[in-house]
């Protein structure tokens, strides 16, 4: 599975990347801003995007809105990551195509399984993993 993490917090990207890549064998791409993430999503076509809701400049909802305008990235599943208590916007996020919200702090040992379960429930699991 190829995962793109878009988050302005380097510590979060490092921990999530290690959990997904080292512990579970995912290919992980990282972006520190919405703009950088959109470019990476278009260039690399990840299987899923973990997107921070609260970022300076282009926040998560604006990033998702702009991702949906890009033909190369418009269908990529998006899972928001945010601190607890930020769920009032989730209905709006779902309307824009977000699959779920994973709260920070998250359990590093369960992150891959959480993503996998969300993608499976939405019927969006990457083809190679669907056939196993």
C-alpha atoms as a PDB file:
ATOM      1  CA  UNK A   1       0.000   0.000   0.000  1.00  0.00           C
ATOM      2  CA  UNK A   2       1.263   3.489  -0.872  1.00  0.00           C
ATOM      3  CA  UNK A   3       0.345   6.080   1.780  1.00  0.00           C
ATOM      4  CA  UNK A   4       0.790   9.843   1.489  1.00  0.00           C
ATOM      5  CA  UNK A   5       0.951  11.701   4.809  1.00  0.00           C
ATOM      6  CA  UNK A   6       0.147  15.422   4.562  1.00  0.00           C
ATOM      7  CA  UNK A   7       0.844  17.094   7.902  1.00  0.00           C
ATOM      8  CA  UNK A   8       2.774  20.201   8.938  1.00  0.00           C
ATOM      9  CA  UNK A   9       4.078  18.475  12.093  1.00  0.00           C
ATOM     10  CA  UNK A  10       7.323  16.679  11.299  1.00  0.00           C
ATOM     11  CA  UNK A  11       7.073  14.563  14.475  1.00  0.00           C
ATOM     12  CA  UNK A  12       3.687  13.195  13.415  1.00  0.00           C
ATOM     13  CA  UNK A  13       4.949  12.422   9.904  1.00  0.00           C
ATOM     14  CA  UNK A  14       8.021  10.646  11.298  1.00  0.00           C
ATOM     15  CA  UNK A  15       6.065   8.478  13.751  1.00  0.00           C
ATOM     16  CA  UNK A  16       3.282   7.634  11.280  1.00  0.00           C
ATOM     17  CA  UNK A  17       5.792   6.943   8.505  1.00  0.00           C
ATOM     18  CA  UNK A  18       7.784   4.602  10.758  1.00  0.00           C
ATOM     19  CA  UNK A  19       4.652   2.761  11.880  1.00  0.00           C
ATOM     20  CA  UNK A  20       3.350   2.287   8.378  1.00  0.00           C
ATOM     21  CA  UNK A  21       6.632   1.693   6.580  1.00  0.00           C
ATOM     22  CA  UNK A  22       8.944  -0.093   8.988  1.00  0.00           C
ATOM     23  CA  UNK A  23       6.332  -2.059  10.913  1.00  0.00           C
ATOM     24  CA  UNK A  24       3.913  -2.853   8.082  1.00  0.00           C
ATOM     25  CA  UNK A  25       5.827  -2.549   4.812  1.00  0.00           C
ATOM     26  CA  UNK A  26       3.811   0.312   3.326  1.00  0.00           C
ATOM     27  CA  UNK A  27       5.440   2.706   0.889  1.00  0.00           C
ATOM     28  CA  UNK A  28       5.168   6.086   2.613  1.00  0.00           C
ATOM     29  CA  UNK A  29       5.404   9.556   1.093  1.00  0.00           C
ATOM     30  CA  UNK A  30       5.446  12.711   3.222  1.00  0.00           C
ATOM     31  CA  UNK A  31       4.395  16.297   2.596  1.00  0.00           C
ATOM     32  CA  UNK A  32       4.662  19.167   5.065  1.00  0.00           C
ATOM     33  CA  UNK A  33       1.947  21.332   3.480  1.00  0.00           C
ATOM     34  CA  UNK A  34      -1.275  21.048   1.517  1.00  0.00           C
ATOM     35  CA  UNK A  35       0.318  22.428  -1.627  1.00  0.00           C
ATOM     36  CA  UNK A  36       3.231  19.979  -1.445  1.00  0.00           C
ATOM     37  CA  UNK A  37       0.781  17.149  -0.746  1.00  0.00           C
ATOM     38  CA  UNK A  38      -1.379  17.927  -3.766  1.00  0.00           C
ATOM     39  CA  UNK A  39       1.684  17.854  -6.033  1.00  0.00           C
ATOM     40  CA  UNK A  40       2.875  14.548  -4.541  1.00  0.00           C
ATOM     41  CA  UNK A  41      -0.610  13.037  -4.824  1.00  0.00           C
ATOM     42  CA  UNK A  42      -0.787  13.942  -8.513  1.00  0.00           C
ATOM     43  CA  UNK A  43       2.749  12.709  -9.234  1.00  0.00           C
ATOM     44  CA  UNK A  44       2.747   9.534  -7.124  1.00  0.00           C
ATOM     45  CA  UNK A  45      -0.932   8.425  -7.100  1.00  0.00           C
ATOM     46  CA  UNK A  46      -1.028   6.985  -3.563  1.00  0.00           C
ATOM     47  CA  UNK A  47      -3.569   4.396  -2.448  1.00  0.00           C
ATOM     48  CA  UNK A  48      -4.647   6.579   0.490  1.00  0.00           C
ATOM     49  CA  UNK A  49      -3.892  10.001   1.959  1.00  0.00           C
ATOM     50  CA  UNK A  50      -3.641  10.742   5.686  1.00  0.00           C
ATOM     51  CA  UNK A  51      -4.470  14.437   5.882  1.00  0.00           C
ATOM     52  CA  UNK A  52      -4.067  16.761   8.859  1.00  0.00           C
ATOM     53  CA  UNK A  53      -7.073  18.993   9.414  1.00  0.00           C
ATOM     54  CA  UNK A  54      -5.283  21.927  11.080  1.00  0.00           C
ATOM     55  CA  UNK A  55      -2.346  23.233   9.042  1.00  0.00           C
ATOM     56  CA  UNK A  56      -1.152  26.788   8.419  1.00  0.00           C
ATOM     57  CA  UNK A  57      -1.852  28.237   4.999  1.00  0.00           C
ATOM     58  CA  UNK A  58      -3.960  25.634   3.243  1.00  0.00           C
ATOM     59  CA  UNK A  59      -5.791  23.630   5.934  1.00  0.00           C
ATOM     60  CA  UNK A  60      -7.010  20.071   5.496  1.00  0.00           C
ATOM     61  CA  UNK A  61     -10.468  20.877   4.144  1.00  0.00           C
ATOM     62  CA  UNK A  62      -9.025  23.298   1.574  1.00  0.00           C
ATOM     63  CA  UNK A  63      -6.386  20.720   0.634  1.00  0.00           C
ATOM     64  CA  UNK A  64      -9.094  18.079   0.125  1.00  0.00           C
ATOM     65  CA  UNK A  65     -11.160  20.528  -1.906  1.00  0.00           C
ATOM     66  CA  UNK A  66      -8.157  21.199  -4.167  1.00  0.00           C
ATOM     67  CA  UNK A  67      -7.262  17.494  -4.411  1.00  0.00           C
ATOM     68  CA  UNK A  68     -10.757  16.768  -5.728  1.00  0.00           C
ATOM     69  CA  UNK A  69     -10.149  19.239  -8.584  1.00  0.00           C
ATOM     70  CA  UNK A  70      -7.060  17.336  -9.788  1.00  0.00           C
ATOM     71  CA  UNK A  71      -7.866  14.515 -12.249  1.00  0.00           C
ATOM     72  CA  UNK A  72      -4.823  12.510 -11.085  1.00  0.00           C
ATOM     73  CA  UNK A  73      -5.831  12.680  -7.412  1.00  0.00           C
ATOM     74  CA  UNK A  74      -9.579  13.196  -7.367  1.00  0.00           C
ATOM     75  CA  UNK A  75     -10.398   9.565  -6.536  1.00  0.00           C
ATOM     76  CA  UNK A  76      -7.682   8.936  -3.923  1.00  0.00           C
ATOM     77  CA  UNK A  77      -9.267   7.975  -0.579  1.00  0.00           C
ATOM     78  CA  UNK A  78      -8.621  10.515   2.185  1.00  0.00           C
ATOM     79  CA  UNK A  79      -8.578   9.899   5.931  1.00  0.00           C
ATOM     80  CA  UNK A  80      -8.304  12.952   8.164  1.00  0.00           C
ATOM     81  CA  UNK A  81      -6.017  12.941  11.199  1.00  0.00           C
ATOM     82  CA  UNK A  82      -6.774  15.486  13.860  1.00  0.00           C
ATOM     83  CA  UNK A  83      -6.755  16.055  17.590  1.00  0.00           C
ATOM     84  CA  UNK A  84      -9.736  14.924  19.618  1.00  0.00           C
ATOM     85  CA  UNK A  85     -12.635  17.340  19.696  1.00  0.00           C
ATOM     86  CA  UNK A  86     -12.354  18.504  16.072  1.00  0.00           C
ATOM     87  CA  UNK A  87     -15.271  16.436  14.751  1.00  0.00           C
ATOM     88  CA  UNK A  88     -17.822  19.200  14.222  1.00  0.00           C
ATOM     89  CA  UNK A  89     -16.583  19.547  10.632  1.00  0.00           C
ATOM     90  CA  UNK A  90     -16.678  15.834   9.804  1.00  0.00           C
ATOM     91  CA  UNK A  91     -20.042  15.860   7.997  1.00  0.00           C
ATOM     92  CA  UNK A  92     -18.648  18.549   5.702  1.00  0.00           C
ATOM     93  CA  UNK A  93     -15.473  16.478   5.222  1.00  0.00           C
ATOM     94  CA  UNK A  94     -17.505  13.356   4.369  1.00  0.00           C
ATOM     95  CA  UNK A  95     -19.511  15.343   1.838  1.00  0.00           C
ATOM     96  CA  UNK A  96     -16.185  16.240   0.206  1.00  0.00           C
ATOM     97  CA  UNK A  97     -15.176  12.577   0.091  1.00  0.00           C
ATOM     98  CA  UNK A  98     -13.239  11.929   3.305  1.00  0.00           C
ATOM     99  CA  UNK A  99     -13.664   8.357   4.524  1.00  0.00           C
ATOM    100  CA  UNK A 100     -12.978   8.773   8.242  1.00  0.00           C
ATOM    101  CA  UNK A 101     -11.103  10.596  10.984  1.00  0.00           C
ATOM    102  CA  UNK A 102      -8.274   9.080  13.012  1.00  0.00           C
ATOM    103  CA  UNK A 103      -7.630  11.010  16.201  1.00  0.00           C
ATOM    104  CA  UNK A 104      -4.256  12.195  17.422  1.00  0.00           C
ATOM    105  CA  UNK A 105      -2.597  10.911  19.416  1.00  0.00           C
ATOM    106  CA  UNK A 106      -3.058   7.560  17.713  1.00  0.00           C
ATOM    107  CA  UNK A 107      -1.870   4.079  18.646  1.00  0.00           C
ATOM    108  CA  UNK A 108       1.241   3.562  16.471  1.00  0.00           C
ATOM    109  CA  UNK A 109       0.852  -0.208  16.521  1.00  0.00           C
ATOM    110  CA  UNK A 110      -2.748  -0.025  15.283  1.00  0.00           C
ATOM    111  CA  UNK A 111      -2.449   2.714  12.642  1.00  0.00           C
ATOM    112  CA  UNK A 112      -1.952   0.395   9.665  1.00  0.00           C
ATOM    113  CA  UNK A 113      -4.838  -1.829  10.770  1.00  0.00           C
ATOM    114  CA  UNK A 114      -7.083   1.229  11.256  1.00  0.00           C
ATOM    115  CA  UNK A 115      -6.320   2.467   7.742  1.00  0.00           C
ATOM    116  CA  UNK A 116      -6.813  -1.009   6.312  1.00  0.00           C
ATOM    117  CA  UNK A 117     -10.187  -1.394   8.059  1.00  0.00           C
ATOM    118  CA  UNK A 118     -11.385   2.018   6.851  1.00  0.00           C
ATOM    119  CA  UNK A 119     -10.376   1.248   3.252  1.00  0.00           C
ATOM    120  CA  UNK A 120     -11.913  -2.235   3.433  1.00  0.00           C
ATOM    121  CA  UNK A 121     -15.223  -0.911   4.802  1.00  0.00           C
ATOM    122  CA  UNK A 122     -15.332   1.676   2.022  1.00  0.00           C
ATOM    123  CA  UNK A 123     -14.438  -0.868  -0.673  1.00  0.00           C
ATOM    124  CA  UNK A 124     -11.269   1.106  -1.458  1.00  0.00           C
ATOM    125  CA  UNK A 125      -8.557  -1.395  -0.539  1.00  0.00           C
ATOM    126  CA  UNK A 126      -5.757  -1.432  -3.152  1.00  0.00           C
ATOM    127  CA  UNK A 127      -6.209  -4.194  -5.758  1.00  0.00           C
ATOM    128  CA  UNK A 128      -3.161  -6.228  -4.709  1.00  0.00           C
ATOM    129  CA  UNK A 129      -4.476  -6.461  -1.162  1.00  0.00           C
ATOM    130  CA  UNK A 130      -8.052  -7.205  -2.253  1.00  0.00           C
ATOM    131  CA  UNK A 131      -6.924 -10.398  -3.954  1.00  0.00           C
ATOM    132  CA  UNK A 132      -5.228 -11.888  -0.886  1.00  0.00           C
END
